[in-house]
Amino acid sequence: MKILLISSILLIFLSGCTGNNLEIGNEVKNNETSDENSGVTQTKQTITSDSLDLSNQRLDKIPAYVFEQKKLEELNISGNQITGAIQAEIRHLQNLKVLNAGNNNMTGVPAEIGQLQNLEVLDLSNNELTGLPYELGNLKNLKILNIAGNDYSEIDLNIIEEQLPQSAVIVK
């Protein structure tokens, strides 16, 4: 399957696609790179969309090309098989407003997530998180933090809660 980039695309849904032999990019250029584990091939082009849905792709990590998408505002990586922590390169997505990383197998969240000053919604639900970085408290625009279905420390959460805006909703 091949998806060509069109300048007017606002949202790309890849939900339910296995990622095998999926190519995203501009056919004019042929500078392809691939993420060995994801089965997704990406040409060295910028995704023109401000939203990227990579849910249910059986990914075990976020493909490296995602971190090059500086204008990305919404990223959905839910329902994958991501283990460990989200890569620290997440800090490069400074325009990110919504990150849905729920329903994975993540055990950690990097401190760099606290550098995403525009983040409004962070869904980390139904993972295997045992701790939360205090840097989550730096997210002054956060409106919703969903950490339900994890085994985090209440002490960590209390410290973070004190730093978050009072209007922030925390789903436990």
N, C-alpha and C. Protein backbone atom coordinates (compact mmCIF):
# COMPACT_ATOMS: atom_id res chain seq x y z
N MET A 1 0.86 -1.17 0.00
CA MET A 1 0.00 0.00 0.00
C MET A 1 0.90 1.22 0.00
N LYS A 2 0.55 2.24 -0.76
CA LYS A 2 1.32 3.46 -0.82
C LYS A 2 0.39 4.63 -0.59
N ILE A 3 0.81 5.55 0.27
CA ILE A 3 0.04 6.76 0.51
C ILE A 3 0.89 7.92 0.05
N LEU A 4 0.39 8.69 -0.89
CA LEU A 4 1.11 9.86 -1.37
C LEU A 4 0.70 11.06 -0.55
N LEU A 5 1.64 11.96 -0.32
CA LEU A 5 1.31 13.16 0.45
C LEU A 5 0.69 14.20 -0.46
N ILE A 6 -0.38 14.77 0.00
CA ILE A 6 -1.07 15.83 -0.71
C ILE A 6 -1.08 17.02 0.23
N SER A 7 -0.79 18.19 -0.28
CA SER A 7 -0.62 19.35 0.59
C SER A 7 -1.87 19.68 1.39
N SER A 8 -3.03 19.24 0.97
CA SER A 8 -4.25 19.59 1.69
C SER A 8 -4.70 18.53 2.68
N ILE A 9 -3.95 17.47 2.88
CA ILE A 9 -4.34 16.44 3.84
C ILE A 9 -4.25 17.02 5.25
N LEU A 10 -5.30 16.87 6.01
CA LEU A 10 -5.31 17.33 7.38
C LEU A 10 -5.11 16.21 8.37
N LEU A 11 -5.50 14.99 8.00
CA LEU A 11 -5.45 13.88 8.92
C LEU A 11 -5.24 12.59 8.15
N ILE A 12 -4.35 11.75 8.61
CA ILE A 12 -4.10 10.46 7.99
C ILE A 12 -4.46 9.39 9.00
N PHE A 13 -5.46 8.57 8.72
CA PHE A 13 -5.83 7.47 9.60
C PHE A 13 -5.19 6.19 9.09
N LEU A 14 -4.41 5.53 9.93
CA LEU A 14 -3.80 4.27 9.58
C LEU A 14 -4.29 3.18 10.53
N SER A 15 -5.34 3.46 11.25
CA SER A 15 -5.88 2.53 12.22
C SER A 15 -6.30 1.23 11.55
N GLY A 16 -5.91 0.11 12.11
CA GLY A 16 -6.28 -1.20 11.59
C GLY A 16 -5.36 -1.70 10.51
N CYS A 17 -4.44 -0.87 10.06
CA CYS A 17 -3.48 -1.29 9.04
C CYS A 17 -2.30 -1.94 9.75
N THR A 18 -1.81 -3.04 9.23
CA THR A 18 -0.74 -3.75 9.92
C THR A 18 0.60 -3.05 9.78
N GLY A 19 0.74 -2.16 8.82
CA GLY A 19 2.01 -1.47 8.65
C GLY A 19 2.94 -2.20 7.71
N ASN A 20 2.64 -3.42 7.35
CA ASN A 20 3.50 -4.17 6.44
C ASN A 20 3.47 -3.53 5.06
N ASN A 21 4.65 -3.21 4.56
CA ASN A 21 4.82 -2.64 3.23
C ASN A 21 4.03 -1.35 3.02
N LEU A 22 3.85 -0.58 4.07
CA LEU A 22 3.16 0.69 3.97
C LEU A 22 4.21 1.76 3.72
N GLU A 23 3.98 2.58 2.72
CA GLU A 23 4.91 3.64 2.39
C GLU A 23 4.19 4.96 2.46
N ILE A 24 4.76 5.90 3.21
CA ILE A 24 4.18 7.22 3.31
C ILE A 24 5.21 8.18 2.74
N GLY A 25 4.82 8.97 1.79
CA GLY A 25 5.77 9.93 1.28
C GLY A 25 5.40 10.47 -0.07
N ASN A 26 6.34 11.17 -0.66
CA ASN A 26 6.17 11.80 -1.95
C ASN A 26 6.89 10.96 -2.99
N GLU A 27 6.18 10.53 -4.00
CA GLU A 27 6.74 9.62 -4.99
C GLU A 27 7.83 10.27 -5.81
N VAL A 28 7.89 11.59 -5.85
CA VAL A 28 8.88 12.28 -6.66
C VAL A 28 10.28 12.02 -6.13
N LYS A 29 10.42 12.02 -4.83
CA LYS A 29 11.72 11.75 -4.22
C LYS A 29 11.78 10.29 -3.80
N ASN A 30 12.96 9.74 -3.84
CA ASN A 30 13.08 8.33 -3.51
C ASN A 30 14.13 8.10 -2.44
N ASN A 31 14.25 9.02 -1.51
CA ASN A 31 15.19 8.89 -0.39
C ASN A 31 14.49 8.18 0.75
N GLU A 32 14.30 6.90 0.65
CA GLU A 32 13.51 6.17 1.63
C GLU A 32 14.34 5.73 2.82
N THR A 33 13.69 5.83 3.96
CA THR A 33 14.24 5.23 5.17
C THR A 33 13.13 4.38 5.74
N SER A 34 13.47 3.38 6.50
CA SER A 34 12.40 2.59 7.09
C SER A 34 12.74 2.31 8.53
N ASP A 35 11.72 2.10 9.29
CA ASP A 35 11.86 1.70 10.67
C ASP A 35 11.69 0.19 10.68
N GLU A 36 12.78 -0.51 10.96
CA GLU A 36 12.80 -1.96 10.84
C GLU A 36 11.66 -2.64 11.59
N ASN A 37 11.33 -2.13 12.76
CA ASN A 37 10.35 -2.80 13.60
C ASN A 37 8.91 -2.45 13.28
N SER A 38 8.69 -1.31 12.61
CA SER A 38 7.31 -0.88 12.41
C SER A 38 6.72 -1.35 11.10
N GLY A 39 7.56 -1.68 10.11
CA GLY A 39 7.05 -2.05 8.81
C GLY A 39 6.59 -0.85 8.02
N VAL A 40 6.83 0.37 8.52
CA VAL A 40 6.42 1.58 7.83
C VAL A 40 7.65 2.19 7.17
N THR A 41 7.55 2.50 5.89
CA THR A 41 8.63 3.14 5.17
C THR A 41 8.28 4.61 5.00
N GLN A 42 9.22 5.49 5.26
CA GLN A 42 8.96 6.92 5.18
C GLN A 42 10.02 7.55 4.29
N THR A 43 9.61 8.25 3.25
CA THR A 43 10.56 9.03 2.48
C THR A 43 10.90 10.25 3.30
N LYS A 44 12.04 10.86 3.01
CA LYS A 44 12.48 12.01 3.78
C LYS A 44 11.72 13.25 3.34
N GLN A 45 10.45 13.25 3.67
CA GLN A 45 9.56 14.36 3.39
C GLN A 45 8.84 14.71 4.69
N THR A 46 8.42 15.92 4.78
CA THR A 46 7.67 16.33 5.95
C THR A 46 6.19 15.99 5.74
N ILE A 47 5.59 15.40 6.71
CA ILE A 47 4.15 15.14 6.66
C ILE A 47 3.47 16.49 6.80
N THR A 48 2.60 16.80 5.86
CA THR A 48 1.97 18.12 5.86
C THR A 48 0.78 18.20 6.80
N SER A 49 0.37 17.11 7.33
CA SER A 49 -0.77 17.08 8.24
C SER A 49 -0.33 17.53 9.63
N ASP A 50 -1.26 18.08 10.40
CA ASP A 50 -0.94 18.43 11.78
C ASP A 50 -1.38 17.32 12.73
N SER A 51 -1.89 16.21 12.18
CA SER A 51 -2.37 15.10 12.99
C SER A 51 -1.92 13.80 12.36
N LEU A 52 -1.42 12.89 13.18
CA LEU A 52 -0.96 11.60 12.68
C LEU A 52 -1.51 10.49 13.57
N ASP A 53 -2.22 9.56 12.95
CA ASP A 53 -2.81 8.44 13.68
C ASP A 53 -2.05 7.16 13.31
N LEU A 54 -1.26 6.67 14.26
CA LEU A 54 -0.52 5.41 14.09
C LEU A 54 -1.04 4.36 15.07
N SER A 55 -2.30 4.46 15.43
CA SER A 55 -2.87 3.52 16.39
C SER A 55 -3.01 2.13 15.79
N ASN A 56 -2.92 1.13 16.65
CA ASN A 56 -3.15 -0.27 16.29
C ASN A 56 -2.29 -0.74 15.12
N GLN A 57 -1.01 -0.36 15.14
CA GLN A 57 -0.09 -0.73 14.07
C GLN A 57 0.94 -1.79 14.51
N ARG A 58 0.81 -2.29 15.72
CA ARG A 58 1.76 -3.25 16.28
C ARG A 58 3.18 -2.68 16.37
N LEU A 59 3.28 -1.39 16.57
CA LEU A 59 4.58 -0.74 16.71
C LEU A 59 5.17 -1.06 18.08
N ASP A 60 6.49 -1.25 18.14
CA ASP A 60 7.12 -1.45 19.44
C ASP A 60 7.87 -0.19 19.90
N LYS A 61 7.88 0.82 19.05
CA LYS A 61 8.41 2.13 19.40
C LYS A 61 7.86 3.13 18.39
N ILE A 62 7.99 4.40 18.71
CA ILE A 62 7.53 5.43 17.78
C ILE A 62 8.55 5.52 16.66
N PRO A 63 8.12 5.44 15.40
CA PRO A 63 9.06 5.55 14.28
C PRO A 63 9.83 6.87 14.33
N ALA A 64 11.10 6.84 14.02
CA ALA A 64 11.97 8.01 14.13
C ALA A 64 11.48 9.19 13.31
N TYR A 65 10.88 8.95 12.15
CA TYR A 65 10.44 10.06 11.30
C TYR A 65 9.39 10.93 11.98
N VAL A 66 8.67 10.39 12.94
CA VAL A 66 7.62 11.16 13.63
C VAL A 66 8.23 12.35 14.34
N PHE A 67 9.42 12.19 14.91
CA PHE A 67 10.04 13.25 15.70
C PHE A 67 10.55 14.39 14.83
N GLU A 68 10.56 14.21 13.52
CA GLU A 68 10.97 15.26 12.59
C GLU A 68 9.79 16.14 12.18
N GLN A 69 8.60 15.78 12.58
CA GLN A 69 7.38 16.50 12.17
C GLN A 69 7.12 17.65 13.14
N LYS A 70 7.82 18.74 12.95
CA LYS A 70 7.80 19.87 13.88
C LYS A 70 6.43 20.52 14.02
N LYS A 71 5.57 20.41 13.00
CA LYS A 71 4.25 21.06 13.06
C LYS A 71 3.16 20.15 13.62
N LEU A 72 3.52 18.94 13.98
CA LEU A 72 2.54 17.97 14.45
C LEU A 72 1.87 18.47 15.73
N GLU A 73 0.54 18.46 15.73
CA GLU A 73 -0.24 18.90 16.90
C GLU A 73 -0.92 17.74 17.61
N GLU A 74 -1.24 16.68 16.87
CA GLU A 74 -1.89 15.52 17.47
C GLU A 74 -1.19 14.25 17.02
N LEU A 75 -0.87 13.40 17.98
CA LEU A 75 -0.23 12.12 17.68
C LEU A 75 -0.96 11.02 18.45
N ASN A 76 -1.44 10.02 17.71
CA ASN A 76 -2.12 8.89 18.32
C ASN A 76 -1.29 7.64 18.07
N ILE A 77 -0.71 7.11 19.13
CA ILE A 77 0.08 5.87 19.04
C ILE A 77 -0.54 4.80 19.94
N SER A 78 -1.81 4.95 20.21
CA SER A 78 -2.50 4.02 21.12
C SER A 78 -2.67 2.64 20.49
N GLY A 79 -2.84 1.65 21.34
CA GLY A 79 -3.15 0.30 20.89
C GLY A 79 -2.01 -0.40 20.18
N ASN A 80 -0.80 -0.01 20.47
CA ASN A 80 0.37 -0.67 19.88
C ASN A 80 1.03 -1.57 20.91
N GLN A 81 2.25 -1.92 20.67
CA GLN A 81 2.99 -2.80 21.58
C GLN A 81 4.27 -2.10 22.06
N ILE A 82 4.15 -0.79 22.29
CA ILE A 82 5.31 0.00 22.69
C ILE A 82 5.71 -0.39 24.10
N THR A 83 6.98 -0.73 24.26
CA THR A 83 7.51 -1.14 25.56
C THR A 83 8.54 -0.11 26.03
N GLY A 84 8.96 -0.23 27.26
CA GLY A 84 9.92 0.73 27.80
C GLY A 84 9.27 2.09 27.92
N ALA A 85 10.01 3.12 27.54
CA ALA A 85 9.49 4.48 27.61
C ALA A 85 9.42 5.08 26.20
N ILE A 86 8.58 6.09 26.06
CA ILE A 86 8.57 6.87 24.82
C ILE A 86 9.98 7.45 24.67
N GLN A 87 10.47 7.51 23.46
CA GLN A 87 11.81 8.03 23.24
C GLN A 87 11.90 9.50 23.67
N ALA A 88 13.08 9.88 24.19
CA ALA A 88 13.32 11.24 24.65
C ALA A 88 13.17 12.26 23.53
N GLU A 89 13.26 11.83 22.28
CA GLU A 89 13.11 12.74 21.13
C GLU A 89 11.71 13.35 21.05
N ILE A 90 10.80 12.88 21.87
CA ILE A 90 9.45 13.45 21.92
C ILE A 90 9.54 14.96 22.18
N ARG A 91 10.62 15.40 22.81
CA ARG A 91 10.80 16.82 23.13
C ARG A 91 10.83 17.70 21.89
N HIS A 92 11.12 17.12 20.71
CA HIS A 92 11.19 17.90 19.47
C HIS A 92 9.81 18.30 18.94
N LEU A 93 8.76 17.69 19.46
CA LEU A 93 7.40 17.98 18.97
C LEU A 93 6.78 19.11 19.78
N GLN A 94 7.35 20.28 19.67
CA GLN A 94 6.97 21.43 20.48
C GLN A 94 5.56 21.94 20.21
N ASN A 95 4.97 21.61 19.07
CA ASN A 95 3.61 22.07 18.76
C ASN A 95 2.55 21.06 19.19
N LEU A 96 2.99 19.93 19.75
CA LEU A 96 2.07 18.87 20.10
C LEU A 96 1.07 19.34 21.17
N LYS A 97 -0.23 19.13 20.87
CA LYS A 97 -1.28 19.48 21.81
C LYS A 97 -1.94 18.23 22.39
N VAL A 98 -1.98 17.16 21.60
CA VAL A 98 -2.64 15.93 22.03
C VAL A 98 -1.70 14.75 21.77
N LEU A 99 -1.44 13.97 22.81
CA LEU A 99 -0.66 12.74 22.68
C LEU A 99 -1.46 11.61 23.31
N ASN A 100 -1.88 10.67 22.46
CA ASN A 100 -2.59 9.49 22.95
C ASN A 100 -1.65 8.31 22.84
N ALA A 101 -1.15 7.87 24.00
CA ALA A 101 -0.23 6.74 24.07
C ALA A 101 -0.83 5.62 24.92
N GLY A 102 -2.14 5.61 25.03
CA GLY A 102 -2.83 4.61 25.84
C GLY A 102 -2.79 3.22 25.22
N ASN A 103 -3.03 2.24 26.04
CA ASN A 103 -3.14 0.84 25.61
C ASN A 103 -1.89 0.32 24.90
N ASN A 104 -0.75 0.53 25.53
CA ASN A 104 0.51 -0.02 25.08
C ASN A 104 1.07 -0.85 26.24
N ASN A 105 2.36 -1.10 26.21
CA ASN A 105 3.02 -1.83 27.30
C ASN A 105 4.14 -0.99 27.90
N MET A 106 3.97 0.32 27.88
CA MET A 106 5.03 1.22 28.35
C MET A 106 5.22 1.11 29.86
N THR A 107 6.48 1.13 30.26
CA THR A 107 6.80 1.07 31.68
C THR A 107 7.30 2.41 32.21
N GLY A 108 7.54 3.36 31.31
CA GLY A 108 8.06 4.66 31.74
C GLY A 108 7.70 5.78 30.79
N VAL A 109 7.84 6.98 31.30
CA VAL A 109 7.62 8.20 30.54
C VAL A 109 8.89 9.04 30.73
N PRO A 110 9.48 9.54 29.65
CA PRO A 110 10.72 10.31 29.80
C PRO A 110 10.47 11.68 30.42
N ALA A 111 11.45 12.18 31.14
CA ALA A 111 11.35 13.51 31.74
C ALA A 111 11.15 14.58 30.66
N GLU A 112 11.64 14.32 29.45
CA GLU A 112 11.54 15.28 28.35
C GLU A 112 10.10 15.62 27.98
N ILE A 113 9.16 14.80 28.39
CA ILE A 113 7.75 15.09 28.09
C ILE A 113 7.33 16.41 28.72
N GLY A 114 8.00 16.80 29.78
CA GLY A 114 7.71 18.06 30.45
C GLY A 114 8.11 19.28 29.64
N GLN A 115 8.81 19.08 28.52
CA GLN A 115 9.21 20.19 27.65
C GLN A 115 8.15 20.53 26.60
N LEU A 116 7.07 19.75 26.56
CA LEU A 116 6.02 19.97 25.56
C LEU A 116 5.02 21.01 26.10
N GLN A 117 5.40 22.25 26.05
CA GLN A 117 4.65 23.33 26.68
C GLN A 117 3.25 23.55 26.11
N ASN A 118 2.98 23.07 24.89
CA ASN A 118 1.65 23.25 24.29
C ASN A 118 0.73 22.07 24.54
N LEU A 119 1.22 21.04 25.20
CA LEU A 119 0.43 19.83 25.40
C LEU A 119 -0.80 20.11 26.27
N GLU A 120 -1.96 19.72 25.75
CA GLU A 120 -3.23 19.92 26.45
C GLU A 120 -3.85 18.61 26.92
N VAL A 121 -3.63 17.55 26.15
CA VAL A 121 -4.21 16.24 26.48
C VAL A 121 -3.10 15.19 26.41
N LEU A 122 -2.92 14.46 27.49
CA LEU A 122 -1.94 13.39 27.55
C LEU A 122 -2.63 12.13 28.07
N ASP A 123 -2.74 11.13 27.19
CA ASP A 123 -3.38 9.88 27.56
C ASP A 123 -2.32 8.79 27.66
N LEU A 124 -2.06 8.35 28.88
CA LEU A 124 -1.09 7.29 29.16
C LEU A 124 -1.82 6.08 29.77
N SER A 125 -3.11 6.01 29.58
CA SER A 125 -3.93 4.98 30.23
C SER A 125 -3.58 3.58 29.76
N ASN A 126 -3.80 2.64 30.65
CA ASN A 126 -3.68 1.21 30.36
C ASN A 126 -2.32 0.83 29.80
N ASN A 127 -1.30 1.24 30.52
CA ASN A 127 0.06 0.82 30.25
C ASN A 127 0.57 0.09 31.48
N GLU A 128 1.86 0.00 31.63
CA GLU A 128 2.44 -0.66 32.79
C GLU A 128 3.34 0.30 33.56
N LEU A 129 2.89 1.56 33.65
CA LEU A 129 3.67 2.60 34.31
C LEU A 129 3.70 2.37 35.81
N THR A 130 4.90 2.41 36.37
CA THR A 130 5.06 2.27 37.82
C THR A 130 5.49 3.58 38.46
N GLY A 131 5.89 4.53 37.63
CA GLY A 131 6.29 5.84 38.12
C GLY A 131 5.94 6.90 37.10
N LEU A 132 5.86 8.14 37.57
CA LEU A 132 5.56 9.27 36.70
C LEU A 132 6.64 10.32 36.91
N PRO A 133 7.18 10.90 35.84
CA PRO A 133 8.22 11.92 36.03
C PRO A 133 7.63 13.21 36.59
N TYR A 134 8.32 13.81 37.52
CA TYR A 134 7.85 15.06 38.11
C TYR A 134 7.70 16.16 37.06
N GLU A 135 8.43 16.02 35.95
CA GLU A 135 8.38 17.01 34.88
C GLU A 135 7.00 17.15 34.25
N LEU A 136 6.12 16.18 34.50
CA LEU A 136 4.73 16.34 34.03
C LEU A 136 4.10 17.60 34.61
N GLY A 137 4.59 18.01 35.76
CA GLY A 137 4.10 19.22 36.41
C GLY A 137 4.45 20.49 35.66
N ASN A 138 5.39 20.40 34.71
CA ASN A 138 5.77 21.56 33.89
C ASN A 138 4.77 21.85 32.78
N LEU A 139 3.81 20.97 32.58
CA LEU A 139 2.86 21.11 31.47
C LEU A 139 1.75 22.07 31.88
N LYS A 140 2.02 23.36 31.77
CA LYS A 140 1.12 24.40 32.27
C LYS A 140 -0.15 24.56 31.44
N ASN A 141 -0.19 24.00 30.23
CA ASN A 141 -1.40 24.08 29.41
C ASN A 141 -2.20 22.78 29.44
N LEU A 142 -1.77 21.82 30.26
CA LEU A 142 -2.44 20.52 30.30
C LEU A 142 -3.85 20.65 30.86
N LYS A 143 -4.79 20.08 30.11
CA LYS A 143 -6.20 20.09 30.53
C LYS A 143 -6.64 18.72 31.00
N ILE A 144 -6.09 17.66 30.35
CA ILE A 144 -6.49 16.29 30.71
C ILE A 144 -5.24 15.41 30.77
N LEU A 145 -5.08 14.73 31.88
CA LEU A 145 -4.04 13.71 32.05
C LEU A 145 -4.75 12.42 32.42
N ASN A 146 -4.66 11.43 31.54
CA ASN A 146 -5.31 10.14 31.79
C ASN A 146 -4.22 9.12 32.12
N ILE A 147 -4.21 8.67 33.36
CA ILE A 147 -3.23 7.67 33.80
C ILE A 147 -3.92 6.44 34.38
N ALA A 148 -5.20 6.27 34.05
CA ALA A 148 -5.97 5.12 34.54
C ALA A 148 -5.34 3.82 34.04
N GLY A 149 -5.46 2.78 34.84
CA GLY A 149 -4.97 1.46 34.43
C GLY A 149 -3.47 1.30 34.53
N ASN A 150 -2.83 2.08 35.40
CA ASN A 150 -1.39 1.97 35.63
C ASN A 150 -1.15 1.79 37.13
N ASP A 151 0.06 1.41 37.48
CA ASP A 151 0.41 1.18 38.89
C ASP A 151 1.44 2.22 39.33
N TYR A 152 1.09 3.49 39.18
CA TYR A 152 1.99 4.58 39.49
C TYR A 152 2.00 4.86 41.00
N SER A 153 2.97 5.62 41.41
CA SER A 153 3.09 6.00 42.81
C SER A 153 2.19 7.19 43.12
N GLU A 154 1.37 7.06 44.15
CA GLU A 154 0.51 8.17 44.58
C GLU A 154 1.35 9.37 45.03
N ILE A 155 2.53 9.10 45.58
CA ILE A 155 3.42 10.19 46.00
C ILE A 155 3.85 11.00 44.79
N ASP A 156 4.26 10.31 43.72
CA ASP A 156 4.63 11.00 42.48
C ASP A 156 3.46 11.85 41.98
N LEU A 157 2.29 11.26 41.95
CA LEU A 157 1.12 11.96 41.44
C LEU A 157 0.79 13.19 42.27
N ASN A 158 0.91 13.10 43.58
CA ASN A 158 0.63 14.25 44.45
C ASN A 158 1.57 15.42 44.15
N ILE A 159 2.83 15.12 43.94
CA ILE A 159 3.82 16.17 43.64
C ILE A 159 3.50 16.81 42.29
N ILE A 160 3.16 15.99 41.31
CA ILE A 160 2.82 16.50 39.97
C ILE A 160 1.55 17.33 40.02
N GLU A 161 0.56 16.84 40.74
CA GLU A 161 -0.74 17.52 40.84
C GLU A 161 -0.61 18.93 41.40
N GLU A 162 0.29 19.11 42.34
CA GLU A 162 0.51 20.43 42.94
C GLU A 162 1.03 21.43 41.92
N GLN A 163 1.74 20.95 40.91
CA GLN A 163 2.36 21.84 39.92
C GLN A 163 1.47 22.10 38.71
N LEU A 164 0.52 21.23 38.46
CA LEU A 164 -0.36 21.37 37.30
C LEU A 164 -1.40 22.47 37.54
N PRO A 165 -1.94 23.04 36.45
CA PRO A 165 -3.02 24.03 36.63
C PRO A 165 -4.19 23.40 37.39
N GLN A 166 -4.85 24.19 38.20
CA GLN A 166 -5.98 23.69 38.99
C GLN A 166 -7.10 23.17 38.11
N SER A 167 -7.20 23.68 36.90
CA SER A 167 -8.27 23.26 36.00
C SER A 167 -7.98 21.91 35.32
N ALA A 168 -6.76 21.40 35.47
CA ALA A 168 -6.40 20.12 34.84
C ALA A 168 -7.21 18.98 35.45
N VAL A 169 -7.73 18.12 34.58
CA VAL A 169 -8.49 16.95 35.02
C VAL A 169 -7.55 15.75 34.95
N ILE A 170 -7.44 15.04 36.06
CA ILE A 170 -6.61 13.84 36.10
C ILE A 170 -7.52 12.63 36.22
N VAL A 171 -7.45 11.76 35.22
CA VAL A 171 -8.26 10.54 35.23
C VAL A 171 -7.37 9.45 35.80
N LYS A 172 -7.81 8.91 36.97
CA LYS A 172 -6.99 7.93 37.68
C LYS A 172 -7.51 6.54 37.46
